[in-house]
PDB file of N, CA and C in Angstrom:
ATOM      1  N   MET A   1       0.765  -1.043   0.183  1.00  0.00           N
ATOM      2  CA  MET A   1       0.193   0.116  -0.033  1.00  0.00           C
ATOM      3  C   MET A   1       0.801   1.174  -0.004  1.00  0.00           C
ATOM      4  N   ALA A   2       0.538   2.323  -0.816  1.00  0.00           N
ATOM      5  CA  ALA A   2       1.398   3.390  -0.910  1.00  0.00           C
ATOM      6  C   ALA A   2       1.169   4.372   0.228  1.00  0.00           C
ATOM      7  N   ASP A   3       2.175   5.235   0.568  1.00  0.00           N
ATOM      8  CA  ASP A   3       1.992   6.007   1.809  1.00  0.00           C
ATOM      9  C   ASP A   3       1.672   7.267   1.115  1.00  0.00           C
ATOM     10  N   TRP A   4       0.486   7.836   1.018  1.00  0.00           N
ATOM     11  CA  TRP A   4       0.116   9.080   0.361  1.00  0.00           C
ATOM     12  C   TRP A   4       0.910  10.183   0.935  1.00  0.00           C
ATOM     13  N   ARG A   5       1.417  10.406   1.974  1.00  0.00           N
ATOM     14  CA  ARG A   5       2.043  11.431   2.673  1.00  0.00           C
ATOM     15  C   ARG A   5       3.624  11.585   2.063  1.00  0.00           C
ATOM     16  N   SER A   6       4.065  10.488   2.199  1.00  0.00           N
ATOM     17  CA  SER A   6       5.478  10.298   1.481  1.00  0.00           C
ATOM     18  C   SER A   6       5.653  10.315   0.053  1.00  0.00           C
ATOM     19  N   LEU A   7       4.563   9.891  -0.537  1.00  0.00           N
ATOM     20  CA  LEU A   7       4.552  10.057  -2.088  1.00  0.00           C
ATOM     21  C   LEU A   7       4.134  11.422  -2.495  1.00  0.00           C
ATOM     22  N   SER A   8       3.221  11.944  -1.767  1.00  0.00           N
ATOM     23  CA  SER A   8       2.771  13.302  -2.158  1.00  0.00           C
ATOM     24  C   SER A   8       3.910  14.346  -1.987  1.00  0.00           C
ATOM     25  N   LYS A   9       4.738  14.091  -0.740  1.00  0.00           N
ATOM     26  CA  LYS A   9       5.843  14.926  -0.568  1.00  0.00           C
ATOM     27  C   LYS A   9       7.069  14.955  -1.310  1.00  0.00           C
ATOM     28  N   ALA A  10       7.232  13.626  -1.686  1.00  0.00           N
ATOM     29  CA  ALA A  10       8.179  13.581  -2.903  1.00  0.00           C
ATOM     30  C   ALA A  10       7.901  14.068  -4.085  1.00  0.00           C
ATOM     31  N   LEU A  11       6.823  13.928  -4.544  1.00  0.00           N
ATOM     32  CA  LEU A  11       6.294  14.724  -5.658  1.00  0.00           C
ATOM     33  C   LEU A  11       6.444  16.178  -5.776  1.00  0.00           C
ATOM     34  N   ALA A  12       5.983  16.630  -4.544  1.00  0.00           N
ATOM     35  CA  ALA A  12       5.761  18.311  -4.384  1.00  0.00           C
ATOM     36  C   ALA A  12       7.249  18.690  -4.293  1.00  0.00           C
ATOM     37  N   LEU A  13       7.918  17.838  -3.755  1.00  0.00           N
ATOM     38  CA  LEU A  13       9.583  18.301  -3.500  1.00  0.00           C
ATOM     39  C   LEU A  13      10.728  17.763  -4.408  1.00  0.00           C
ATOM     40  N   ALA A  14      10.241  17.381  -5.630  1.00  0.00           N
ATOM     41  CA  ALA A  14      11.159  16.589  -6.767  1.00  0.00           C
ATOM     42  C   ALA A  14      12.151  17.452  -6.981  1.00  0.00           C
ATOM     43  N   ASP A  15      11.976  18.826  -7.022  1.00  0.00           N
ATOM     44  CA  ASP A  15      13.186  19.766  -7.245  1.00  0.00           C
ATOM     45  C   ASP A  15      13.467  20.474  -6.265  1.00  0.00           C
ATOM     46  N   GLY A  16      13.036  20.223  -4.937  1.00  0.00           N
ATOM     47  CA  GLY A  16      13.455  20.752  -3.691  1.00  0.00           C
ATOM     48  C   GLY A  16      12.735  21.916  -3.284  1.00  0.00           C
ATOM     49  N   ALA A  17      11.828  22.594  -4.348  1.00  0.00           N
ATOM     50  CA  ALA A  17      11.312  23.940  -3.867  1.00  0.00           C
ATOM     51  C   ALA A  17       9.698  23.492  -4.192  1.00  0.00           C
ATOM     52  N   ILE A  18       8.955  24.601  -3.536  1.00  0.00           N
ATOM     53  CA  ILE A  18       7.580  24.738  -3.962  1.00  0.00           C
ATOM     54  C   ILE A  18       7.154  25.834  -4.928  1.00  0.00           C
ATOM     55  N   ASP A  19       6.860  25.728  -5.994  1.00  0.00           N
ATOM     56  CA  ASP A  19       6.588  26.871  -7.123  1.00  0.00           C
ATOM     57  C   ASP A  19       5.258  27.179  -6.992  1.00  0.00           C
ATOM     58  N   THR A  20       4.710  28.124  -7.773  1.00  0.00           N
ATOM     59  CA  THR A  20       3.299  28.556  -8.119  1.00  0.00           C
ATOM     60  C   THR A  20       2.336  27.434  -8.534  1.00  0.00           C
ATOM     61  N   LYS A  21       2.640  26.659  -9.681  1.00  0.00           N
ATOM     62  CA  LYS A  21       1.888  25.652 -10.004  1.00  0.00           C
ATOM     63  C   LYS A  21       1.819  24.567  -8.786  1.00  0.00           C
ATOM     64  N   GLU A  22       2.720  24.253  -8.170  1.00  0.00           N
ATOM     65  CA  GLU A  22       2.629  23.362  -7.129  1.00  0.00           C
ATOM     66  C   GLU A  22       1.782  23.907  -6.209  1.00  0.00           C
ATOM     67  N   THR A  23       1.899  24.858  -5.703  1.00  0.00           N
ATOM     68  CA  THR A  23       1.144  25.707  -4.859  1.00  0.00           C
ATOM     69  C   THR A  23      -0.478  25.631  -4.998  1.00  0.00           C
ATOM     70  N   GLU A  24      -0.664  26.042  -6.314  1.00  0.00           N
ATOM     71  CA  GLU A  24      -2.002  26.117  -6.933  1.00  0.00           C
ATOM     72  C   GLU A  24      -2.568  24.700  -6.687  1.00  0.00           C
ATOM     73  N   ILE A  25      -1.882  23.581  -7.090  1.00  0.00           N
ATOM     74  CA  ILE A  25      -2.471  22.249  -6.859  1.00  0.00           C
ATOM     75  C   ILE A  25      -2.366  21.732  -5.419  1.00  0.00           C
ATOM     76  N   ILE A  26      -1.828  21.944  -4.708  1.00  0.00           N
ATOM     77  CA  ILE A  26      -1.844  21.618  -3.341  1.00  0.00           C
ATOM     78  C   ILE A  26      -3.093  22.422  -2.672  1.00  0.00           C
ATOM     79  N   ILE A  27      -3.247  23.459  -2.668  1.00  0.00           N
ATOM     80  CA  ILE A  27      -4.482  24.439  -2.341  1.00  0.00           C
ATOM     81  C   ILE A  27      -5.574  23.830  -2.924  1.00  0.00           C
ATOM     82  N   LYS A  28      -5.691  23.530  -4.141  1.00  0.00           N
ATOM     83  CA  LYS A  28      -6.984  22.976  -4.776  1.00  0.00           C
ATOM     84  C   LYS A  28      -7.484  21.722  -4.026  1.00  0.00           C
ATOM     85  N   GLU A  29      -6.472  20.935  -3.865  1.00  0.00           N
ATOM     86  CA  GLU A  29      -6.639  19.385  -3.498  1.00  0.00           C
ATOM     87  C   GLU A  29      -6.859  19.534  -1.879  1.00  0.00           C
ATOM     88  N   PHE A  30      -6.274  20.223  -1.171  1.00  0.00           N
ATOM     89  CA  PHE A  30      -6.173  20.338   0.234  1.00  0.00           C
ATOM     90  C   PHE A  30      -7.828  20.974   0.525  1.00  0.00           C
ATOM     91  N   MET A  31      -8.073  21.932  -0.378  1.00  0.00           N
ATOM     92  CA  MET A  31      -9.314  22.628   0.146  1.00  0.00           C
ATOM     93  C   MET A  31     -10.838  22.085  -0.760  1.00  0.00           C
ATOM     94  N   ALA A  32     -10.538  20.961  -1.255  1.00  0.00           N
ATOM     95  CA  ALA A  32     -11.567  20.124  -2.103  1.00  0.00           C
ATOM     96  C   ALA A  32     -13.074  20.059  -1.343  1.00  0.00           C
ATOM     97  N   ASP A  33     -12.737  19.685   0.087  1.00  0.00           N
ATOM     98  CA  ASP A  33     -13.694  19.751   0.894  1.00  0.00           C
ATOM     99  C   ASP A  33     -13.998  20.737   1.795  1.00  0.00           C
ATOM    100  N   GLY A  34     -13.217  21.845   1.688  1.00  0.00           N
ATOM    101  CA  GLY A  34     -13.304  22.987   2.640  1.00  0.00           C
ATOM    102  C   GLY A  34     -12.803  23.074   3.964  1.00  0.00           C
ATOM    103  N   VAL A  35     -12.051  21.699   4.471  1.00  0.00           N
ATOM    104  CA  VAL A  35     -11.688  21.606   5.807  1.00  0.00           C
ATOM    105  C   VAL A  35     -10.311  21.018   5.561  1.00  0.00           C
ATOM    106  N   LEU A  36      -9.428  21.806   6.673  1.00  0.00           N
ATOM    107  CA  LEU A  36      -8.214  21.064   6.682  1.00  0.00           C
ATOM    108  C   LEU A  36      -8.000  20.244   8.335  1.00  0.00           C
ATOM    109  N   ASP A  37      -7.651  19.345   8.177  1.00  0.00           N
ATOM    110  CA  ASP A  37      -7.758  18.380   9.349  1.00  0.00           C
ATOM    111  C   ASP A  37      -6.044  18.649   9.730  1.00  0.00           C
ATOM    112  N   ARG A  38      -5.831  18.016  11.066  1.00  0.00           N
ATOM    113  CA  ARG A  38      -4.615  17.977  11.622  1.00  0.00           C
ATOM    114  C   ARG A  38      -3.448  17.651  10.790  1.00  0.00           C
ATOM    115  N   SER A  39      -3.855  16.383  10.366  1.00  0.00           N
ATOM    116  CA  SER A  39      -3.157  15.398   9.815  1.00  0.00           C
ATOM    117  C   SER A  39      -2.540  16.358   8.419  1.00  0.00           C
ATOM    118  N   GLU A  40      -3.598  16.885   7.607  1.00  0.00           N
ATOM    119  CA  GLU A  40      -3.052  17.728   6.384  1.00  0.00           C
ATOM    120  C   GLU A  40      -2.230  18.814   6.881  1.00  0.00           C
ATOM    121  N   ILE A  41      -2.658  19.449   7.920  1.00  0.00           N
ATOM    122  CA  ILE A  41      -1.756  20.861   8.328  1.00  0.00           C
ATOM    123  C   ILE A  41      -0.467  20.208   8.610  1.00  0.00           C
ATOM    124  N   GLU A  42      -0.360  19.070   9.317  1.00  0.00           N
ATOM    125  CA  GLU A  42       1.106  18.651   9.536  1.00  0.00           C
ATOM    126  C   GLU A  42       1.916  18.119   8.230  1.00  0.00           C
ATOM    127  N   TRP A  43       1.311  17.954   7.217  1.00  0.00           N
ATOM    128  CA  TRP A  43       1.768  17.682   6.070  1.00  0.00           C
ATOM    129  C   TRP A  43       2.450  18.920   5.431  1.00  0.00           C
ATOM    130  N   LEU A  44       1.728  19.901   5.515  1.00  0.00           N
ATOM    131  CA  LEU A  44       1.747  21.288   4.838  1.00  0.00           C
ATOM    132  C   LEU A  44       3.182  21.741   5.629  1.00  0.00           C
ATOM    133  N   ILE A  45       3.127  21.642   6.770  1.00  0.00           N
ATOM    134  CA  ILE A  45       4.068  22.092   7.802  1.00  0.00           C
ATOM    135  C   ILE A  45       5.460  21.216   7.120  1.00  0.00           C
ATOM    136  N   ASP A  46       5.238  19.976   7.396  1.00  0.00           N
ATOM    137  CA  ASP A  46       6.538  19.222   6.849  1.00  0.00           C
ATOM    138  C   ASP A  46       6.980  19.435   5.472  1.00  0.00           C
ATOM    139  N   VAL A  47       6.365  19.566   4.489  1.00  0.00           N
ATOM    140  CA  VAL A  47       6.776  19.999   3.237  1.00  0.00           C
ATOM    141  C   VAL A  47       7.432  21.407   3.225  1.00  0.00           C
ATOM    142  N   ARG A  48       6.829  22.519   3.925  1.00  0.00           N
ATOM    143  CA  ARG A  48       7.296  23.543   3.892  1.00  0.00           C
ATOM    144  C   ARG A  48       8.662  23.630   4.748  1.00  0.00           C
ATOM    145  N   ASN A  49       8.919  22.681   5.828  1.00  0.00           N
ATOM    146  CA  ASN A  49      10.112  22.936   6.569  1.00  0.00           C
ATOM    147  C   ASN A  49      11.030  21.932   5.504  1.00  0.00           C
ATOM    148  N   SER A  50      10.644  21.158   4.820  1.00  0.00           N
ATOM    149  CA  SER A  50      11.567  20.218   3.900  1.00  0.00           C
ATOM    150  C   SER A  50      11.839  20.841   2.764  1.00  0.00           C
ATOM    151  N   SER A  51      11.460  21.742   2.470  1.00  0.00           N
ATOM    152  CA  SER A  51      11.715  22.412   0.974  1.00  0.00           C
ATOM    153  C   SER A  51      12.982  23.529   1.184  1.00  0.00           C
ATOM    154  N   SER A  52      13.543  23.700  -0.150  1.00  0.00           N
ATOM    155  CA  SER A  52      14.730  24.487   0.160  1.00  0.00           C
ATOM    156  C   SER A  52      14.181  26.022  -0.355  1.00  0.00           C
ATOM    157  N   SER A  53      13.152  25.997  -1.115  1.00  0.00           N
ATOM    158  CA  SER A  53      12.515  27.457  -0.949  1.00  0.00           C
ATOM    159  C   SER A  53      11.123  27.146  -1.469  1.00  0.00           C
ATOM    160  N   ARG A  54      10.164  28.455  -1.484  1.00  0.00           N
ATOM    161  CA  ARG A  54       8.736  28.504  -1.634  1.00  0.00           C
ATOM    162  C   ARG A  54       8.366  29.616  -2.033  1.00  0.00           C
ATOM    163  N   VAL A  55       7.435  29.540  -2.775  1.00  0.00           N
ATOM    164  CA  VAL A  55       6.606  31.002  -3.132  1.00  0.00           C
ATOM    165  C   VAL A  55       5.956  31.600  -1.934  1.00  0.00           C
ATOM    166  N   GLU A  56       5.821  32.908  -2.050  1.00  0.00           N
ATOM    167  CA  GLU A  56       5.041  33.500  -0.824  1.00  0.00           C
ATOM    168  C   GLU A  56       3.656  32.875  -0.850  1.00  0.00           C
ATOM    169  N   ALA A  57       2.998  32.566  -1.695  1.00  0.00           N
ATOM    170  CA  ALA A  57       1.593  31.929  -1.648  1.00  0.00           C
ATOM    171  C   ALA A  57       1.548  30.684  -0.872  1.00  0.00           C
ATOM    172  N   PHE A  58       2.594  29.904  -0.968  1.00  0.00           N
ATOM    173  CA  PHE A  58       2.558  28.700  -0.113  1.00  0.00           C
ATOM    174  C   PHE A  58       2.557  28.852   1.455  1.00  0.00           C
ATOM    175  N   ASP A  59       3.555  29.688   1.739  1.00  0.00           N
ATOM    176  CA  ASP A  59       3.432  30.106   3.036  1.00  0.00           C
ATOM    177  C   ASP A  59       2.184  30.897   3.519  1.00  0.00           C
ATOM    178  N   LYS A  60       1.668  31.782   2.832  1.00  0.00           N
ATOM    179  CA  LYS A  60       0.432  32.337   3.325  1.00  0.00           C
ATOM    180  C   LYS A  60      -0.704  31.283   3.555  1.00  0.00           C
ATOM    181  N   PHE A  61      -0.431  30.036   2.683  1.00  0.00           N
ATOM    182  CA  PHE A  61      -1.696  29.014   2.683  1.00  0.00           C
ATOM    183  C   PHE A  61      -1.341  28.445   4.215  1.00  0.00           C
ATOM    184  N   VAL A  62       0.017  27.901   4.230  1.00  0.00           N
ATOM    185  CA  VAL A  62       0.002  27.229   5.417  1.00  0.00           C
ATOM    186  C   VAL A  62      -0.103  28.154   6.832  1.00  0.00           C
ATOM    187  N   PHE A  63       0.262  29.398   6.970  1.00  0.00           N
ATOM    188  CA  PHE A  63      -0.093  29.829   8.126  1.00  0.00           C
ATOM    189  C   PHE A  63      -1.371  30.112   8.095  1.00  0.00           C
ATOM    190  N   SER A  64      -2.220  30.753   7.050  1.00  0.00           N
ATOM    191  CA  SER A  64      -3.558  30.885   7.091  1.00  0.00           C
ATOM    192  C   SER A  64      -4.477  29.519   7.578  1.00  0.00           C
ATOM    193  N   ALA A  65      -3.988  28.258   7.139  1.00  0.00           N
ATOM    194  CA  ALA A  65      -4.466  26.908   7.587  1.00  0.00           C
ATOM    195  C   ALA A  65      -4.207  26.766   9.244  1.00  0.00           C
ATOM    196  N   LEU A  66      -3.047  27.072   9.561  1.00  0.00           N
ATOM    197  CA  LEU A  66      -2.537  26.775  10.792  1.00  0.00           C
ATOM    198  C   LEU A  66      -3.388  27.727  11.956  1.00  0.00           C
ATOM    199  N   LYS A  67      -3.497  28.897  11.531  1.00  0.00           N
ATOM    200  CA  LYS A  67      -3.941  29.725  12.515  1.00  0.00           C
ATOM    201  C   LYS A  67      -5.454  29.497  13.166  1.00  0.00           C
ATOM    202  N   PRO A  68      -6.196  29.015  12.394  1.00  0.00           N
ATOM    203  CA  PRO A  68      -7.519  28.764  13.006  1.00  0.00           C
ATOM    204  C   PRO A  68      -7.365  27.628  13.891  1.00  0.00           C
ATOM    205  N   MET A  69      -6.489  26.691  13.723  1.00  0.00           N
ATOM    206  CA  MET A  69      -6.378  25.410  14.196  1.00  0.00           C
ATOM    207  C   MET A  69      -5.980  25.730  15.731  1.00  0.00           C
ATOM    208  N   VAL A  70      -4.984  26.661  15.835  1.00  0.00           N
ATOM    209  CA  VAL A  70      -4.021  26.981  17.052  1.00  0.00           C
ATOM    210  C   VAL A  70      -5.045  27.690  17.958  1.00  0.00           C
ATOM    211  N   LEU A  71      -5.807  28.737  17.165  1.00  0.00           N
ATOM    212  CA  LEU A  71      -6.862  29.668  17.945  1.00  0.00           C
ATOM    213  C   LEU A  71      -8.227  29.227  17.942  1.00  0.00           C
ATOM    214  N   ALA A  72      -8.721  27.959  17.950  1.00  0.00           N
ATOM    215  CA  ALA A  72      -9.772  27.423  17.946  1.00  0.00           C
ATOM    216  C   ALA A  72     -10.508  27.906  19.039  1.00  0.00           C
ATOM    217  N   ASP A  73     -10.173  27.886  20.189  1.00  0.00           N
ATOM    218  CA  ASP A  73     -10.701  28.317  21.360  1.00  0.00           C
ATOM    219  C   ASP A  73     -10.305  29.739  21.775  1.00  0.00           C
ATOM    220  N   GLY A  74      -9.356  30.432  21.033  1.00  0.00           N
ATOM    221  CA  GLY A  74      -9.161  31.805  21.261  1.00  0.00           C
ATOM    222  C   GLY A  74      -7.787  31.939  22.018  1.00  0.00           C
ATOM    223  N   GLN A  75      -7.311  30.757  22.664  1.00  0.00           N
ATOM    224  CA  GLN A  75      -6.324  30.613  23.418  1.00  0.00           C
ATOM    225  C   GLN A  75      -4.883  29.761  22.902  1.00  0.00           C
ATOM    226  N   VAL A  76      -3.973  30.331  23.478  1.00  0.00           N
ATOM    227  CA  VAL A  76      -2.785  29.100  23.120  1.00  0.00           C
ATOM    228  C   VAL A  76      -2.190  28.459  24.329  1.00  0.00           C
ATOM    229  N   ASP A  77      -2.762  27.138  24.593  1.00  0.00           N
ATOM    230  CA  ASP A  77      -2.122  26.226  25.706  1.00  0.00           C
ATOM    231  C   ASP A  77      -0.932  25.834  25.535  1.00  0.00           C
ATOM    232  N   ALA A  78      -0.531  25.039  26.542  1.00  0.00           N
ATOM    233  CA  ALA A  78       0.742  24.400  26.583  1.00  0.00           C
ATOM    234  C   ALA A  78       0.970  23.334  25.605  1.00  0.00           C
ATOM    235  N   ASP A  79       0.081  22.554  25.133  1.00  0.00           N
ATOM    236  CA  ASP A  79       0.215  21.799  24.201  1.00  0.00           C
ATOM    237  C   ASP A  79       0.083  22.242  22.827  1.00  0.00           C
ATOM    238  N   GLU A  80      -0.627  23.288  22.617  1.00  0.00           N
ATOM    239  CA  GLU A  80      -0.266  24.282  21.209  1.00  0.00           C
ATOM    240  C   GLU A  80       1.033  24.700  21.020  1.00  0.00           C
ATOM    241  N   ALA A  81       1.533  25.151  22.328  1.00  0.00           N
ATOM    242  CA  ALA A  81       2.743  26.023  22.367  1.00  0.00           C
ATOM    243  C   ALA A  81       3.653  24.813  21.926  1.00  0.00           C
ATOM    244  N   ALA A  82       3.773  23.650  22.591  1.00  0.00           N
ATOM    245  CA  ALA A  82       4.763  22.731  22.110  1.00  0.00           C
ATOM    246  C   ALA A  82       4.527  22.082  20.756  1.00  0.00           C
ATOM    247  N   TRP A  83       3.358  22.114  20.056  1.00  0.00           N
ATOM    248  CA  TRP A  83       3.315  21.677  18.799  1.00  0.00           C
ATOM    249  C   TRP A  83       3.989  22.878  17.855  1.00  0.00           C
ATOM    250  N   LEU A  84       3.708  24.112  18.046  1.00  0.00           N
ATOM    251  CA  LEU A  84       4.226  25.322  17.312  1.00  0.00           C
ATOM    252  C   LEU A  84       5.879  25.125  17.580  1.00  0.00           C
ATOM    253  N   ARG A  85       6.393  24.868  18.764  1.00  0.00           N
ATOM    254  CA  ARG A  85       7.685  24.902  18.857  1.00  0.00           C
ATOM    255  C   ARG A  85       8.425  23.833  17.961  1.00  0.00           C
ATOM    256  N   LYS A  86       7.768  22.665  18.050  1.00  0.00           N
ATOM    257  CA  LYS A  86       8.204  21.588  16.917  1.00  0.00           C
ATOM    258  C   LYS A  86       8.322  22.031  15.484  1.00  0.00           C
ATOM    259  N   PHE A  87       7.438  22.854  15.182  1.00  0.00           N
ATOM    260  CA  PHE A  87       6.983  23.341  13.709  1.00  0.00           C
ATOM    261  C   PHE A  87       8.165  24.495  13.587  1.00  0.00           C
ATOM    262  N   ILE A  88       8.197  25.211  14.535  1.00  0.00           N
ATOM    263  CA  ILE A  88       8.966  26.643  14.187  1.00  0.00           C
ATOM    264  C   ILE A  88      10.487  26.094  14.314  1.00  0.00           C
ATOM    265  N   PHE A  89      10.922  25.558  15.063  1.00  0.00           N
ATOM    266  CA  PHE A  89      12.280  25.017  15.232  1.00  0.00           C
ATOM    267  C   PHE A  89      12.817  23.757  14.367  1.00  0.00           C
ATOM    268  N   ALA A  90      11.747  23.098  13.641  1.00  0.00           N
ATOM    269  CA  ALA A  90      12.069  21.794  12.882  1.00  0.00           C
ATOM    270  C   ALA A  90      13.466  22.089  12.031  1.00  0.00           C
ATOM    271  N   ASP A  91      13.475  22.898  11.560  1.00  0.00           N
ATOM    272  CA  ASP A  91      14.733  23.132  10.617  1.00  0.00           C
ATOM    273  C   ASP A  91      15.854  23.849  11.298  1.00  0.00           C
ATOM    274  N   GLY A  92      15.758  24.252  12.350  1.00  0.00           N
ATOM    275  CA  GLY A  92      16.878  25.061  13.416  1.00  0.00           C
ATOM    276  C   GLY A  92      17.197  26.490  12.844  1.00  0.00           C
ATOM    277  N   ASN A  93      16.212  26.869  11.995  1.00  0.00           N
ATOM    278  CA  ASN A  93      16.218  28.342  11.574  1.00  0.00           C
ATOM    279  C   ASN A  93      14.787  29.032  11.553  1.00  0.00           C
ATOM    280  N   ILE A  94      14.513  29.998  12.365  1.00  0.00           N
ATOM    281  CA  ILE A  94      13.435  30.817  12.328  1.00  0.00           C
ATOM    282  C   ILE A  94      13.395  31.908  11.325  1.00  0.00           C
ATOM    283  N   ASP A  95      12.505  31.938  10.339  1.00  0.00           N
ATOM    284  CA  ASP A  95      12.470  32.697   9.293  1.00  0.00           C
ATOM    285  C   ASP A  95      11.476  33.792   9.445  1.00  0.00           C
ATOM    286  N   SER A  96      11.533  34.818   8.449  1.00  0.00           N
ATOM    287  CA  SER A  96      10.686  36.072   8.982  1.00  0.00           C
ATOM    288  C   SER A  96       9.063  35.649   8.679  1.00  0.00           C
ATOM    289  N   GLY A  97       8.697  34.696   8.058  1.00  0.00           N
ATOM    290  CA  GLY A  97       7.452  34.054   7.875  1.00  0.00           C
ATOM    291  C   GLY A  97       6.861  33.706   9.302  1.00  0.00           C
ATOM    292  N   GLU A  98       7.852  32.774   9.731  1.00  0.00           N
ATOM    293  CA  GLU A  98       7.586  32.131  11.223  1.00  0.00           C
ATOM    294  C   GLU A  98       7.021  33.218  12.245  1.00  0.00           C
ATOM    295  N   LYS A  99       8.476  33.997  12.157  1.00  0.00           N
ATOM    296  CA  LYS A  99       8.117  35.265  13.189  1.00  0.00           C
ATOM    297  C   LYS A  99       6.984  36.034  13.277  1.00  0.00           C
ATOM    298  N   ALA A 100       6.565  36.200  11.925  1.00  0.00           N
ATOM    299  CA  ALA A 100       5.533  37.002  11.662  1.00  0.00           C
ATOM    300  C   ALA A 100       4.236  36.094  11.967  1.00  0.00           C
ATOM    301  N   PHE A 101       4.148  34.944  11.690  1.00  0.00           N
ATOM    302  CA  PHE A 101       3.056  34.148  12.207  1.00  0.00           C
ATOM    303  C   PHE A 101       3.005  34.118  13.761  1.00  0.00           C
ATOM    304  N   LEU A 102       3.939  33.959  14.474  1.00  0.00           N
ATOM    305  CA  LEU A 102       3.781  34.010  16.040  1.00  0.00           C
ATOM    306  C   LEU A 102       3.431  35.207  16.493  1.00  0.00           C
ATOM    307  N   ALA A 103       3.876  36.300  16.064  1.00  0.00           N
ATOM    308  CA  ALA A 103       3.462  37.809  16.201  1.00  0.00           C
ATOM    309  C   ALA A 103       1.926  37.897  16.040  1.00  0.00           C
ATOM    310  N   ASP A 104       1.496  37.312  14.928  1.00  0.00           N
ATOM    311  CA  ASP A 104      -0.051  37.196  14.746  1.00  0.00           C
ATOM    312  C   ASP A 104      -0.813  36.397  15.483  1.00  0.00           C
ATOM    313  N   ILE A 105      -0.275  35.481  15.860  1.00  0.00           N
ATOM    314  CA  ILE A 105      -0.964  34.506  16.882  1.00  0.00           C
ATOM    315  C   ILE A 105      -1.047  35.094  18.196  1.00  0.00           C
ATOM    316  N   LYS A 106       0.237  35.702  18.497  1.00  0.00           N
ATOM    317  CA  LYS A 106       0.173  36.558  19.958  1.00  0.00           C
ATOM    318  C   LYS A 106      -0.694  37.816  20.165  1.00  0.00           C
ATOM    319  N   ALA A 107      -0.796  38.336  19.086  1.00  0.00           N
ATOM    320  CA  ALA A 107      -1.710  39.423  18.806  1.00  0.00           C
ATOM    321  C   ALA A 107      -3.112  39.221  18.895  1.00  0.00           C
ATOM    322  N   SER A 108      -3.411  37.955  18.440  1.00  0.00           N
ATOM    323  CA  SER A 108      -4.861  37.423  18.014  1.00  0.00           C
ATOM    324  C   SER A 108      -5.345  36.804  19.330  1.00  0.00           C
ATOM    325  N   ALA A 109      -4.578  36.118  20.108  1.00  0.00           N
ATOM    326  CA  ALA A 109      -4.851  35.292  21.112  1.00  0.00           C
ATOM    327  C   ALA A 109      -5.391  36.284  22.146  1.00  0.00           C
ATOM    328  N   LYS A 110      -6.648  35.581  22.732  1.00  0.00           N
ATOM    329  CA  LYS A 110      -7.279  36.021  24.027  1.00  0.00           C
ATOM    330  C   LYS A 110      -6.464  36.036  25.152  1.00  0.00           C
ATOM    331  N   SER A 111      -5.661  34.876  25.308  1.00  0.00           N
ATOM    332  CA  SER A 111      -4.664  34.679  26.175  1.00  0.00           C
ATOM    333  C   SER A 111      -3.527  33.717  25.561  1.00  0.00           C
ATOM    334  N   ILE A 112      -2.379  33.597  26.408  1.00  0.00           N
ATOM    335  CA  ILE A 112      -1.303  32.810  25.836  1.00  0.00           C
ATOM    336  C   ILE A 112      -0.707  32.210  27.213  1.00  0.00           C
ATOM    337  N   CYS A 113      -0.158  30.937  27.125  1.00  0.00           N
ATOM    338  CA  CYS A 113       0.368  30.350  28.210  1.00  0.00           C
ATOM    339  C   CYS A 113       1.962  30.599  28.362  1.00  0.00           C
ATOM    340  N   PRO A 114       2.623  30.595  29.556  1.00  0.00           N
ATOM    341  CA  PRO A 114       4.018  30.793  29.542  1.00  0.00           C
ATOM    342  C   PRO A 114       4.930  30.061  28.415  1.00  0.00           C
ATOM    343  N   GLU A 115       4.489  28.850  28.113  1.00  0.00           N
ATOM    344  CA  GLU A 115       5.220  28.210  27.160  1.00  0.00           C
ATOM    345  C   GLU A 115       5.056  28.894  25.751  1.00  0.00           C
ATOM    346  N   PHE A 116       4.183  29.477  25.385  1.00  0.00           N
ATOM    347  CA  PHE A 116       3.893  30.230  24.221  1.00  0.00           C
ATOM    348  C   PHE A 116       4.543  31.650  24.354  1.00  0.00           C
ATOM    349  N   ALA A 117       4.673  32.231  25.412  1.00  0.00           N
ATOM    350  CA  ALA A 117       5.390  33.412  25.763  1.00  0.00           C
ATOM    351  C   ALA A 117       6.927  33.032  25.449  1.00  0.00           C
ATOM    352  N   GLN A 118       7.302  31.944  25.892  1.00  0.00           N
ATOM    353  CA  GLN A 118       8.634  31.695  26.011  1.00  0.00           C
ATOM    354  C   GLN A 118       9.371  31.373  24.359  1.00  0.00           C
ATOM    355  N   LEU A 119       8.180  30.804  23.649  1.00  0.00           N
ATOM    356  CA  LEU A 119       8.533  30.320  22.502  1.00  0.00           C
ATOM    357  C   LEU A 119       8.903  31.738  21.602  1.00  0.00           C
ATOM    358  N   CYS A 120       7.778  32.698  21.918  1.00  0.00           N
ATOM    359  CA  CYS A 120       7.968  33.781  21.192  1.00  0.00           C
ATOM    360  C   CYS A 120       9.434  34.658  21.565  1.00  0.00           C
ATOM    361  N   SER A 121       9.707  34.721  22.715  1.00  0.00           N
ATOM    362  CA  SER A 121      10.769  35.217  23.282  1.00  0.00           C
ATOM    363  C   SER A 121      12.034  34.666  22.597  1.00  0.00           C
ATOM    364  N   GLU A 122      12.127  33.551  22.697  1.00  0.00           N
ATOM    365  CA  GLU A 122      13.188  32.756  21.805  1.00  0.00           C
ATOM    366  C   GLU A 122      13.467  32.907  20.343  1.00  0.00           C
ATOM    367  N   ALA A 123      12.023  33.164  19.740  1.00  0.00           N
ATOM    368  CA  ALA A 123      12.205  33.466  18.280  1.00  0.00           C
ATOM    369  C   ALA A 123      12.056  34.836  17.959  1.00  0.00           C
ATOM    370  N   GLY A 124      12.362  35.791  19.071  1.00  0.00           N
ATOM    371  CA  GLY A 124      12.619  37.227  18.767  1.00  0.00           C
ATOM    372  C   GLY A 124      11.225  37.863  18.464  1.00  0.00           C
ATOM    373  N   VAL A 125      10.280  37.494  18.860  1.00  0.00           N
ATOM    374  CA  VAL A 125       8.965  38.072  18.766  1.00  0.00           C
ATOM    375  C   VAL A 125       8.681  39.016  20.139  1.00  0.00           C
TER     376      VAL A 125
END
């Protein structure tokens, strides 16, 4: 049985980068049912972190998909902070998109836990 995650990741990253056409296909397929679940978002994060480069539209899609999941209840709790830490530090580098995303979450949340505050601090947010 084929592993769709591995296969689709290999196809998306065949040249190492996510371009406009790949972004359009990914958005079309992932949004076909109008809902992104945690598994799909984790795939997007994995592909983002594994790519050598991405078009801005791909990053915007990933962050726009991630935000409502993190802020579903308006708060960032310790489990969500740990999940975000894994994502943000996965490649050992915090880029400007990740910093902007953390700042947006921090500003949009009704409340944040100390673990998220620490993550933001370590990220320079």
